[in-house]
Protein backbone atom coordinates (compact mmCIF):
# COMPACT_ATOMS: atom_id res chain seq x y z
CA ALA A 1 20.23 30.59 -26.00
CA ASN A 2 22.62 27.27 -26.72
CA PRO A 3 22.05 25.67 -30.56
CA GLU A 4 19.79 22.90 -28.82
CA GLU A 5 17.37 25.45 -26.90
CA GLU A 6 17.10 27.67 -30.20
CA THR A 7 16.42 24.64 -32.26
CA ALA A 8 13.48 23.43 -29.90
CA ARG A 9 12.23 27.31 -30.19
CA ARG A 10 11.87 27.34 -33.68
CA TRP A 11 9.83 24.46 -33.80
CA PHE A 12 7.87 25.18 -30.82
CA ALA A 13 7.55 29.03 -32.62
CA ALA A 14 6.71 27.02 -36.29
CA MET A 15 4.26 24.88 -33.93
CA VAL A 16 3.02 27.79 -32.90
CA ASP A 17 2.81 30.09 -36.22
CA ALA A 18 0.97 27.69 -37.72
CA ILE A 19 -1.88 26.35 -35.43
CA ALA A 20 -2.29 30.73 -35.02
CA ARG A 21 -2.95 31.27 -38.12
CA GLU A 22 -6.05 29.13 -38.23
CA ALA A 23 -7.32 29.85 -34.34
CA PRO A 24 -10.79 30.15 -34.80
CA LEU A 25 -11.25 26.89 -36.57
CA VAL A 26 -9.35 25.10 -33.71
CA ARG A 27 -11.12 26.47 -31.16
CA VAL A 28 -14.32 25.61 -32.14
CA ILE A 29 -12.30 21.78 -32.91
CA GLU A 30 -11.15 21.55 -29.28
CA ARG A 31 -14.00 22.92 -27.01
CA GLU A 32 -16.97 22.55 -29.25
CA ILE A 33 -17.14 19.85 -31.18
CA PRO A 34 -17.27 16.56 -28.98
CA PHE A 35 -15.34 13.68 -29.61
CA ALA A 36 -13.10 15.73 -31.77
CA ARG A 37 -10.37 13.77 -30.94
CA GLU A 38 -11.08 11.22 -32.32
CA LEU A 39 -11.64 12.93 -35.80
CA PRO A 40 -9.28 10.79 -38.67
CA MET A 41 -7.31 13.81 -39.13
CA LEU A 42 -6.75 14.70 -35.26
CA ARG A 43 -5.66 11.26 -34.40
CA LYS A 44 -3.00 11.17 -37.23
CA LEU A 45 -2.09 14.27 -35.94
CA GLU A 46 -1.56 13.29 -32.84
CA LYS A 47 0.26 9.69 -33.98
CA GLN A 48 2.62 12.31 -35.88
CA LEU A 49 3.32 14.42 -32.65
CA LEU A 50 4.21 11.65 -30.57
CA ALA A 51 6.09 10.20 -33.49
CA ILE A 52 8.37 13.03 -33.70
CA ALA A 53 9.19 13.41 -29.85
CA SER A 54 9.82 9.00 -29.92
CA ASN A 55 12.29 9.85 -32.99
CA SER A 56 13.81 13.31 -30.65
CA ALA A 57 14.28 10.91 -27.50
CA ASP A 58 16.08 8.46 -29.97
CA GLY A 59 18.43 11.17 -30.87
CA ILE A 60 19.28 12.61 -27.69
CA THR A 61 19.92 8.88 -26.69
CA ARG A 62 22.18 8.34 -29.42
CA VAL A 63 23.94 11.54 -28.51
CA THR A 64 23.52 11.92 -25.17
CA GLY A 65 23.52 8.42 -23.51
CA ARG A 66 20.01 9.60 -21.30
CA ARG A 67 17.28 6.86 -22.43
CA TYR A 68 13.80 7.90 -22.16
CA SER A 69 11.28 5.30 -21.09
CA PRO A 70 7.76 5.54 -23.91
CA GLU A 71 5.65 7.12 -20.85
CA THR A 72 8.09 9.92 -20.75
CA VAL A 73 7.91 10.55 -23.93
CA TYR A 74 4.19 10.52 -24.29
CA LEU A 75 3.88 13.37 -21.28
CA MET A 76 6.36 15.50 -23.07
CA ALA A 77 4.66 14.86 -26.20
CA THR A 78 0.98 15.61 -24.20
CA LEU A 79 2.74 18.67 -22.28
CA ALA A 80 4.01 20.06 -25.42
CA ARG A 81 1.06 19.72 -27.49
CA ALA A 82 -1.19 21.54 -25.17
CA ALA A 83 0.80 24.31 -24.28
CA VAL A 84 1.52 24.84 -27.60
CA LEU A 85 -2.59 25.22 -28.59
CA GLN A 86 -2.53 27.29 -25.09
CA ILE A 87 -0.12 30.20 -26.25
CA ALA A 88 -1.60 29.51 -30.18
CA THR A 89 -5.23 29.86 -28.84
CA ASP A 90 -5.03 31.68 -26.01
CA CYS A 91 -2.16 33.45 -24.74
CA PRO A 92 -3.29 35.36 -21.64
CA PRO A 93 -3.19 39.07 -21.69
CA GLY A 94 -0.39 40.29 -20.27
CA LEU A 95 1.83 37.57 -21.70
CA ASP A 96 4.20 37.74 -24.18
CA ARG A 97 4.08 34.77 -26.73
CA GLU A 98 7.36 35.08 -27.28
CA ARG A 99 8.77 34.87 -23.84
CA LEU A 100 6.52 31.70 -23.75
CA ILE A 101 8.08 30.37 -26.51
CA ASP A 102 11.17 30.87 -25.24
CA GLU A 103 10.28 29.41 -22.00
CA LEU A 104 8.93 26.16 -23.26
CA ALA A 105 11.96 25.76 -25.06
CA ALA A 106 13.84 25.95 -21.80
CA LEU A 107 11.69 23.80 -20.28
CA PHE A 108 12.27 20.79 -22.70
CA THR A 109 15.69 21.36 -23.49
CA ALA A 110 16.43 21.44 -19.47
CA GLN A 111 14.27 18.16 -19.30
CA PHE A 112 15.85 16.44 -22.09
CA LEU A 113 19.60 17.38 -22.46
CA ALA A 114 20.30 17.88 -18.25
């Protein structure tokens, strides 16, 4: 893996690990609490994740010259959030968690650095 992909991998792995430690609670919040996304804590988290994605896109633009629309940044943050939550809380039997994280990092670096 190249340095950018390894950095993305470490970032995704850290998020998966943090969520996995609280997987039972996250499952309840995600599946059982109506309007859970409206909770101030979760709204703040989503804003922070979008800010991280936007800052990352800005950094990549400075290095590569490639610009990303706000819509692309939003989609990438949303896709990353969904993938990380799935891997952390519901990794399907027969799929390797570490390999999923590797693939996620590869997909994102291919999209942002291609």
